[in-house]
């Protein structure tokens, strides 16, 4: 009996993903544990391993296909003694997530876990699917549509149960029937771009789309408020210099950054003010027992926030090593889901780019994110006298539903004390 390879759910919130690359081709022998393909999720690219043995009989979803729903069939494995005639043609239907209106909430992306056995009414009638409906198409038809810049969701299918096949896309490309309906606003777009200079379009990755969706949702639905403190970090810089100078060589080597001190200080401050280590739900405010700190890392596809678990229980050298390792693998898209999911608090540091201060957008469902600016020499008043000190501005963005203003202020006060008295991090 043939075995269907289904699109895996690589995280609890994943509803669809991009099939980035096949590592095997049709006709290859498959053994349990072999890497079949790579799946691009909202945060990373993960390898999918085979759990069954046999021969890769048919690839249903081509390299680069986006929006493949979780549990949709992506390939068929033939078991021992079977040949290509055993492949069920009905299984070649590729279930792909239809484009969603950008104004709809994230919940609108949710879809049934398995492919429906009954085609949509639009597909059965031979008309083009309406906006928001799923598109049933063959991989070859989708590939031709992408190469020809055709919006396949507006092609009427003539295949079994209204599925879009090769001849439908070719007819649309050549101007025959079934024809494409003009897209809404196409005339307006043509007039708006007339006379403009050239530009380059960079396709949005799955990760970039999810980031945009979540940030928009955060800014629209989370009542942000902001608190700012200036921290004098001359003592911290002096300690950092001494620690790095005394660092051993070889396996125990380390190089502590200012950001490592920030992670450690945030973790200790959360232990002192646990009410800030919280997330909001409609039923209750969740206060976390563990102090897990997310650190924003820039990647070519957007931000990712790997998590330093139990950061309050780790020394500076350990924190430094973990942050560097997580950041490197995050940029390469090699993090496991458990390494970037969760966390009760996020740090976003743009100081290395010379940014003086900024306010970050909260990373739901967390309640707080700390934006860290560059340390720079500024005039300060100390004991009534004017002096010069290295000052770092930090701004806390807070979800007012779960963390009150007083709690946010208490957290920042604790953080400032620790940053300005770095010896307390050694206790």
Protein backbone atom coordinates (compact mmCIF):
# COMPACT_ATOMS: atom_id res chain seq x y z
CA UNK A 1 0.00 0.00 0.00
CA UNK A 2 1.36 3.43 -0.91
CA UNK A 3 2.41 5.79 1.89
CA UNK A 4 1.55 9.47 1.73
CA UNK A 5 4.17 11.91 3.05
CA UNK A 6 2.26 14.76 4.67
CA UNK A 7 3.26 18.35 5.32
CA UNK A 8 4.42 18.25 8.97
CA UNK A 9 3.42 20.68 11.70
CA UNK A 10 6.80 21.88 12.94
CA UNK A 11 5.38 24.18 15.62
CA UNK A 12 2.10 24.42 17.55
CA UNK A 13 1.05 27.56 15.64
CA UNK A 14 2.05 26.41 12.15
CA UNK A 15 -0.85 26.17 9.69
CA UNK A 16 1.13 26.17 6.43
CA UNK A 17 4.71 26.42 5.23
CA UNK A 18 6.99 26.57 2.24
CA UNK A 19 8.53 23.44 0.73
CA UNK A 20 11.98 24.92 0.26
CA UNK A 21 13.94 22.04 -1.27
CA UNK A 22 13.76 18.32 -2.04
CA UNK A 23 16.84 16.29 -1.10
CA UNK A 24 15.61 13.21 -2.99
CA UNK A 25 14.13 12.69 -6.43
CA UNK A 26 11.46 10.38 -7.78
CA UNK A 27 12.74 6.81 -8.01
CA UNK A 28 15.21 7.13 -5.13
CA UNK A 29 15.25 4.41 -2.48
CA UNK A 30 14.05 5.73 0.88
CA UNK A 31 15.08 4.42 4.27
CA UNK A 32 13.78 5.47 7.66
CA UNK A 33 15.74 8.51 8.84
CA UNK A 34 16.69 9.74 5.35
CA UNK A 35 16.25 13.49 4.85
CA UNK A 36 13.47 13.92 2.30
CA UNK A 37 13.15 17.69 2.06
CA UNK A 38 13.48 21.05 3.79
CA UNK A 39 10.46 22.97 5.07
CA UNK A 40 10.60 26.71 5.67
CA UNK A 41 8.51 27.83 8.64
CA UNK A 42 7.95 31.29 10.06
CA UNK A 43 11.24 31.07 11.99
CA UNK A 44 13.59 28.53 10.47
CA UNK A 45 14.22 25.95 7.77
CA UNK A 46 13.80 22.40 9.10
CA UNK A 47 14.76 19.05 7.59
CA UNK A 48 12.00 16.43 7.25
CA UNK A 49 13.07 12.82 7.73
CA UNK A 50 11.36 9.74 6.33
CA UNK A 51 9.65 7.40 8.78
CA UNK A 52 8.83 4.70 6.21
CA UNK A 53 10.94 2.67 3.81
CA UNK A 54 10.36 2.20 0.08
CA UNK A 55 10.82 4.17 -3.12
CA UNK A 56 9.93 7.84 -3.61
CA UNK A 57 7.23 7.23 -6.21
CA UNK A 58 5.91 10.75 -6.79
CA UNK A 59 6.65 14.28 -5.60
CA UNK A 60 3.37 16.18 -5.32
CA UNK A 61 4.69 19.59 -4.26
CA UNK A 62 7.58 21.17 -6.15
CA UNK A 63 10.58 23.01 -4.70
CA UNK A 64 9.74 26.56 -3.68
CA UNK A 65 5.98 26.04 -3.27
CA UNK A 66 4.60 28.36 -0.60
CA UNK A 67 1.48 28.10 1.53
CA UNK A 68 1.32 24.29 1.68
CA UNK A 69 -1.16 23.41 4.41
CA UNK A 70 -0.21 21.23 7.34
CA UNK A 71 -1.18 17.58 6.68
CA UNK A 72 -1.50 18.13 2.92
CA UNK A 73 0.19 15.31 0.91
CA UNK A 74 3.57 16.36 -0.48
CA UNK A 75 4.87 13.03 -1.81
CA UNK A 76 4.03 9.33 -2.19
CA UNK A 77 6.31 6.49 -1.16
CA UNK A 78 5.88 3.09 -2.84
CA UNK A 79 6.34 0.10 -0.57
CA UNK A 80 8.17 -3.07 -1.60
CA UNK A 81 6.60 -4.75 -4.62
CA UNK A 82 4.63 -1.70 -5.74
CA UNK A 83 5.14 0.28 -8.94
CA UNK A 84 3.93 3.61 -10.29
CA UNK A 85 0.52 2.16 -11.16
CA UNK A 86 -0.23 1.98 -7.45
CA UNK A 87 -0.19 5.75 -7.10
CA UNK A 88 -3.68 7.08 -6.59
CA UNK A 89 -4.28 9.99 -8.99
CA UNK A 90 -6.57 11.61 -6.49
CA UNK A 91 -3.59 12.08 -4.18
CA UNK A 92 -1.95 14.42 -6.68
CA UNK A 93 -4.23 17.23 -5.53
CA UNK A 94 -1.98 19.77 -3.83
CA UNK A 95 -3.66 21.66 -1.03
CA UNK A 96 -2.22 25.15 -0.83
CA UNK A 97 -3.30 27.96 1.46
CA UNK A 98 -5.12 30.70 -0.42
CA UNK A 99 -4.00 34.34 0.05
CA UNK A 100 -5.65 35.99 3.04
CA UNK A 101 -6.79 39.63 3.20
CA UNK A 102 -4.19 41.56 5.17
CA UNK A 103 -6.88 43.20 7.28
CA UNK A 104 -8.16 39.94 8.72
CA UNK A 105 -6.85 38.68 12.08
CA UNK A 106 -4.33 35.88 12.38
CA UNK A 107 -7.09 33.45 13.30
CA UNK A 108 -8.29 33.62 9.71
CA UNK A 109 -5.22 31.63 8.68
CA UNK A 110 -6.34 28.57 10.58
CA UNK A 111 -7.41 25.68 8.37
CA UNK A 112 -8.56 22.08 8.80
CA UNK A 113 -5.71 19.73 9.56
CA UNK A 114 -6.36 17.36 6.68
CA UNK A 115 -7.20 17.74 3.03
CA UNK A 116 -10.94 17.78 2.36
CA UNK A 117 -12.30 14.93 0.29
CA UNK A 118 -14.98 17.12 -1.30
CA UNK A 119 -13.81 19.92 -3.64
CA UNK A 120 -15.00 23.46 -3.17
CA UNK A 121 -18.19 24.52 -4.91
CA UNK A 122 -16.17 26.96 -7.02
CA UNK A 123 -13.87 24.20 -8.29
CA UNK A 124 -16.76 21.88 -9.10
CA UNK A 125 -18.49 24.53 -11.16
CA UNK A 126 -15.38 25.30 -13.24
CA UNK A 127 -15.27 28.97 -12.23
CA UNK A 128 -12.27 30.74 -10.76
CA UNK A 129 -12.03 30.32 -6.97
CA UNK A 130 -13.26 33.29 -4.98
CA UNK A 131 -10.87 35.23 -2.80
CA UNK A 132 -10.15 33.25 0.37
CA UNK A 133 -11.03 29.84 -1.09
CA UNK A 134 -8.48 27.05 -1.36
CA UNK A 135 -6.89 26.37 -4.71
CA UNK A 136 -6.70 22.78 -6.02
CA UNK A 137 -3.88 22.53 -8.55
CA UNK A 138 -1.27 20.17 -9.91
CA UNK A 139 2.37 20.93 -9.11
CA UNK A 140 3.19 21.34 -12.84
CA UNK A 141 0.35 23.83 -13.33
CA UNK A 142 1.51 25.84 -10.32
CA UNK A 143 5.10 25.87 -11.57
CA UNK A 144 4.05 27.11 -15.03
CA UNK A 145 1.88 29.80 -13.42
CA UNK A 146 4.77 31.02 -11.27
CA UNK A 147 7.14 31.13 -14.24
CA UNK A 148 4.57 33.08 -16.27
CA UNK A 149 3.63 35.46 -13.40
CA UNK A 150 0.06 34.18 -13.48
CA UNK A 151 -2.15 34.43 -10.39
CA UNK A 152 -3.28 30.80 -10.32
CA UNK A 153 -6.13 31.60 -7.91
CA UNK A 154 -7.90 33.33 -10.84
CA UNK A 155 -7.61 30.43 -13.30
CA UNK A 156 -10.67 28.22 -13.80
CA UNK A 157 -9.86 24.52 -13.48
CA UNK A 158 -11.00 21.91 -16.02
CA UNK A 159 -9.43 18.86 -14.38
CA UNK A 160 -11.11 16.30 -12.12
CA UNK A 161 -13.34 18.01 -9.55
CA UNK A 162 -12.34 21.40 -10.92
CA UNK A 163 -8.61 20.96 -10.29
CA UNK A 164 -6.35 23.38 -12.19
CA UNK A 165 -4.09 21.45 -14.56
CA UNK A 166 -1.37 22.29 -17.09
CA UNK A 167 -3.70 23.04 -20.02
CA UNK A 168 -5.70 25.57 -17.96
CA UNK A 169 -2.62 27.65 -17.15
CA UNK A 170 -1.28 27.38 -20.71
CA UNK A 171 -4.64 28.56 -22.05
CA UNK A 172 -4.59 31.52 -19.66
CA UNK A 173 -1.04 32.41 -20.72
CA UNK A 174 -1.91 32.27 -24.44
CA UNK A 175 -5.09 34.27 -23.96
CA UNK A 176 -7.45 31.39 -24.69
CA UNK A 177 -10.13 29.91 -22.48
CA UNK A 178 -10.41 29.67 -19.56
CA UNK A 179 -9.31 33.29 -19.35
CA UNK A 180 -8.07 35.21 -16.36
CA UNK A 181 -10.43 37.74 -14.84
CA UNK A 182 -8.84 41.19 -14.31
CA UNK A 183 -7.57 41.62 -10.79
CA UNK A 184 -9.34 44.17 -8.60
CA UNK A 185 -7.65 47.54 -8.85
CA UNK A 186 -5.41 46.49 -11.76
CA UNK A 187 -6.22 49.64 -13.77
CA UNK A 188 -5.58 51.85 -10.77
CA UNK A 189 -2.25 50.15 -10.15
CA UNK A 190 -1.21 50.64 -13.79
CA UNK A 191 -2.01 54.34 -13.65
CA UNK A 192 -0.34 54.78 -10.29
CA UNK A 193 2.94 53.28 -11.47
CA UNK A 194 3.01 55.03 -14.85
CA UNK A 195 6.05 57.29 -15.18
CA UNK A 196 7.79 55.85 -12.12
CA UNK A 197 11.38 54.61 -12.22
CA UNK A 198 12.41 50.98 -12.12
CA UNK A 199 12.43 48.88 -8.96
CA UNK A 200 13.30 45.40 -7.76
CA UNK A 201 10.77 43.21 -5.98
CA UNK A 202 12.11 40.83 -3.32
CA UNK A 203 9.55 38.05 -2.69
CA UNK A 204 8.42 37.85 0.92
CA UNK A 205 9.64 34.72 2.67
CA UNK A 206 7.29 32.75 4.90
CA UNK A 207 9.19 34.10 7.89
CA UNK A 208 8.83 37.69 6.72
CA UNK A 209 5.07 37.29 6.15
CA UNK A 210 4.50 35.86 9.62
CA UNK A 211 6.62 38.57 11.24
CA UNK A 212 4.60 41.26 9.44
CA UNK A 213 1.34 39.66 10.48
CA UNK A 214 2.29 39.35 14.13
CA UNK A 215 3.79 42.82 14.43
CA UNK A 216 0.69 44.35 12.87
CA UNK A 217 -1.51 42.38 15.22
CA UNK A 218 0.63 43.43 18.19
CA UNK A 219 0.53 47.12 17.35
CA UNK A 220 -3.20 47.07 16.64
CA UNK A 221 -4.41 44.96 19.57
CA UNK A 222 -1.85 45.36 22.38
CA UNK A 223 -2.12 48.62 24.41
CA UNK A 224 1.57 49.62 24.52
CA UNK A 225 3.03 52.10 26.96
CA UNK A 226 6.69 53.06 27.26
CA UNK A 227 9.15 53.73 30.10
CA UNK A 228 12.72 54.98 29.61
CA UNK A 229 15.81 55.09 31.84
CA UNK A 230 19.39 56.23 31.30
CA UNK A 231 21.99 53.83 32.71
CA UNK A 232 25.60 54.83 33.44
CA UNK A 233 27.73 51.88 32.33
CA UNK A 234 31.33 52.95 33.03
CA UNK A 235 31.63 50.37 35.84
CA UNK A 236 30.16 47.71 33.58
CA UNK A 237 32.63 48.52 30.79
CA UNK A 238 35.51 48.36 33.25
CA UNK A 239 34.41 44.95 34.53
CA UNK A 240 33.89 43.68 30.99
CA UNK A 241 37.44 44.70 30.07
CA UNK A 242 38.91 42.89 33.09
CA UNK A 243 36.86 39.72 32.55
CA UNK A 244 37.77 39.47 28.89
CA UNK A 245 41.44 40.12 29.64
CA UNK A 246 41.41 37.28 32.18
CA UNK A 247 39.55 34.85 29.90
CA UNK A 248 41.32 31.51 29.42
CA UNK A 249 42.33 30.24 26.00
CA UNK A 250 41.07 27.09 24.35
CA UNK A 251 37.80 25.39 25.26
CA UNK A 252 37.05 27.72 28.16
CA UNK A 253 37.58 30.91 26.17
CA UNK A 254 34.90 33.58 26.17
CA UNK A 255 34.42 37.19 25.10
CA UNK A 256 31.65 38.90 27.00
CA UNK A 257 29.67 41.67 25.27
CA UNK A 258 27.61 44.49 26.72
CA UNK A 259 24.53 42.63 25.51
CA UNK A 260 25.50 39.63 27.67
CA UNK A 261 25.46 41.93 30.72
CA UNK A 262 22.03 43.19 29.60
CA UNK A 263 20.63 39.65 29.36
CA UNK A 264 21.98 38.80 32.80
CA UNK A 265 20.68 42.05 34.32
CA UNK A 266 17.21 41.56 32.79
CA UNK A 267 17.05 38.02 34.15
CA UNK A 268 18.00 39.10 37.67
CA UNK A 269 15.57 42.03 37.55
CA UNK A 270 12.76 39.66 36.51
CA UNK A 271 13.58 37.48 39.49
CA UNK A 272 13.24 40.56 41.72
CA UNK A 273 10.04 41.76 39.99
CA UNK A 274 8.33 38.53 38.83
CA UNK A 275 5.12 40.38 37.92
CA UNK A 276 6.89 41.60 34.77
CA UNK A 277 7.58 38.01 33.70
CA UNK A 278 4.04 37.57 32.43
CA UNK A 279 1.80 37.03 29.42
CA UNK A 280 -1.81 38.02 28.82
CA UNK A 281 -4.67 35.64 28.06
CA UNK A 282 -8.41 36.38 28.02
CA UNK A 283 -8.88 34.07 31.00
CA UNK A 284 -5.90 34.97 33.20
CA UNK A 285 -2.50 36.62 33.48
CA UNK A 286 0.21 33.97 33.41
CA UNK A 287 3.15 34.56 35.75
CA UNK A 288 6.09 32.32 34.85
CA UNK A 289 8.23 30.46 37.36
CA UNK A 290 11.24 30.21 35.05
CA UNK A 291 13.10 33.24 33.74
CA UNK A 292 13.45 32.61 29.98
CA UNK A 293 14.79 35.62 28.07
CA UNK A 294 14.37 35.98 24.29
CA UNK A 295 17.08 37.88 22.39
CA UNK A 296 16.17 39.49 19.04
CA UNK A 297 18.58 38.44 16.27
CA UNK A 298 18.60 39.96 12.78
CA UNK A 299 18.66 37.46 9.88
CA UNK A 300 18.39 37.96 6.11
CA UNK A 301 14.71 36.98 6.31
CA UNK A 302 13.81 39.06 9.36
CA UNK A 303 14.04 38.92 13.14
CA UNK A 304 14.14 35.72 15.13
CA UNK A 305 14.09 35.54 18.93
CA UNK A 306 16.04 32.55 20.32
CA UNK A 307 15.54 31.96 24.04
CA UNK A 308 18.11 31.76 26.83
CA UNK A 309 16.42 29.37 29.26
CA UNK A 310 16.75 29.94 33.04
CA UNK A 311 18.95 32.96 32.34
CA UNK A 312 18.86 34.01 36.01
CA UNK A 313 20.69 30.79 36.95
CA UNK A 314 23.57 31.21 34.46
CA UNK A 315 26.79 33.17 34.74
CA UNK A 316 27.97 35.74 32.21
CA UNK A 317 30.29 33.34 30.40
CA UNK A 318 27.51 30.77 29.97
CA UNK A 319 25.03 33.41 28.81
CA UNK A 320 27.62 34.75 26.35
CA UNK A 321 28.28 31.31 24.85
CA UNK A 322 24.60 30.46 24.50
CA UNK A 323 23.66 33.79 22.90
CA UNK A 324 26.47 33.52 20.33
CA UNK A 325 25.54 29.93 19.46
CA UNK A 326 21.80 30.65 19.22
CA UNK A 327 22.39 33.80 17.14
CA UNK A 328 24.69 32.00 14.69
CA UNK A 329 22.29 29.12 14.16
CA UNK A 330 19.36 31.53 13.97
CA UNK A 331 21.00 33.40 11.07
CA UNK A 332 21.57 30.07 9.33
CA UNK A 333 17.97 28.96 9.90
CA UNK A 334 19.09 25.95 11.93
CA UNK A 335 17.30 26.53 15.24
CA UNK A 336 14.94 23.88 16.58
CA UNK A 337 11.40 25.11 17.39
CA UNK A 338 11.94 24.71 21.13
CA UNK A 339 14.92 27.07 20.89
CA UNK A 340 12.89 30.06 19.67
CA UNK A 341 9.42 29.39 21.05
CA UNK A 342 8.28 30.63 24.43
CA UNK A 343 10.21 33.08 26.56
CA UNK A 344 8.64 35.56 28.96
CA UNK A 345 10.57 38.70 27.99
CA UNK A 346 12.47 39.97 24.91
CA UNK A 347 15.58 42.13 24.51
CA UNK A 348 16.18 44.10 21.30
CA UNK A 349 19.62 45.75 21.16
CA UNK A 350 20.48 48.19 18.36
CA UNK A 351 23.36 49.81 20.20
CA UNK A 352 25.93 48.18 17.94
CA UNK A 353 24.44 50.19 15.06
CA UNK A 354 24.88 53.48 16.88
CA UNK A 355 21.16 53.93 17.62
CA UNK A 356 20.78 56.17 20.67
CA UNK A 357 17.29 55.10 21.72
CA UNK A 358 14.15 53.55 20.25
CA UNK A 359 10.88 51.88 21.25
CA UNK A 360 10.34 48.25 20.22
CA UNK A 361 7.06 46.48 19.39
CA UNK A 362 5.99 43.83 21.91
CA UNK A 363 6.45 40.21 20.83
CA UNK A 364 3.07 38.54 21.64
CA UNK A 365 2.09 36.86 23.83
CA UNK A 366 4.85 38.39 25.97
CA UNK A 367 4.11 41.55 27.94
CA UNK A 368 7.47 43.36 27.78
CA UNK A 369 10.35 44.07 25.42
CA UNK A 370 13.42 46.12 26.34
CA UNK A 371 14.96 48.31 23.62
CA UNK A 372 18.66 48.94 24.28
CA UNK A 373 20.53 51.83 22.69
CA UNK A 374 24.22 52.61 22.26
CA UNK A 375 26.44 53.58 25.15
CA UNK A 376 27.83 57.07 24.53
CA UNK A 377 29.60 59.71 26.55
CA UNK A 378 27.23 62.40 27.82
CA UNK A 379 27.38 65.19 30.38
CA UNK A 380 25.86 64.15 33.71
CA UNK A 381 25.45 65.79 37.09
CA UNK A 382 27.01 63.80 39.94
CA UNK A 383 26.82 65.12 43.52
CA UNK A 384 26.04 68.59 42.19
CA UNK A 385 28.99 68.66 39.82
CA UNK A 386 29.08 68.34 36.07
CA UNK A 387 30.90 65.25 34.79
CA UNK A 388 31.12 63.00 31.76
CA UNK A 389 29.83 59.41 31.85
CA UNK A 390 29.05 56.63 29.40
CA UNK A 391 25.25 56.50 29.27
CA UNK A 392 23.03 53.84 27.70
CA UNK A 393 19.34 54.60 27.13
CA UNK A 394 16.90 51.71 27.58
CA UNK A 395 13.17 51.86 26.78
CA UNK A 396 10.69 49.29 28.06
CA UNK A 397 7.56 48.63 25.95
CA UNK A 398 4.81 47.20 28.14
CA UNK A 399 1.42 45.56 27.58
CA UNK A 400 -0.82 47.51 29.96
CA UNK A 401 -3.34 44.67 30.14
CA UNK A 402 -0.98 42.42 32.08
CA UNK A 403 1.71 44.72 33.49
CA UNK A 404 0.78 47.95 35.26
CA UNK A 405 2.82 51.13 35.08
CA UNK A 406 4.09 50.73 38.64
CA UNK A 407 5.30 47.19 37.92
CA UNK A 408 7.08 48.36 34.78
CA UNK A 409 8.75 51.15 36.75
CA UNK A 410 9.83 48.73 39.48
CA UNK A 411 11.37 46.42 36.91
CA UNK A 412 13.30 49.25 35.22
CA UNK A 413 14.54 50.51 38.59
CA UNK A 414 15.83 47.03 39.47
CA UNK A 415 17.43 46.66 36.03
CA UNK A 416 19.14 50.06 36.31
CA UNK A 417 20.57 49.21 39.75
CA UNK A 418 22.03 45.95 38.46
CA UNK A 419 23.47 47.45 35.28
CA UNK A 420 25.08 50.32 37.18
CA UNK A 421 26.42 48.01 39.92
CA UNK A 422 27.62 45.07 37.83
CA UNK A 423 29.28 43.33 40.81
CA UNK A 424 25.76 42.35 41.89
CA UNK A 425 25.60 40.09 38.83
CA UNK A 426 28.29 37.93 40.43
CA UNK A 427 26.23 37.18 43.53
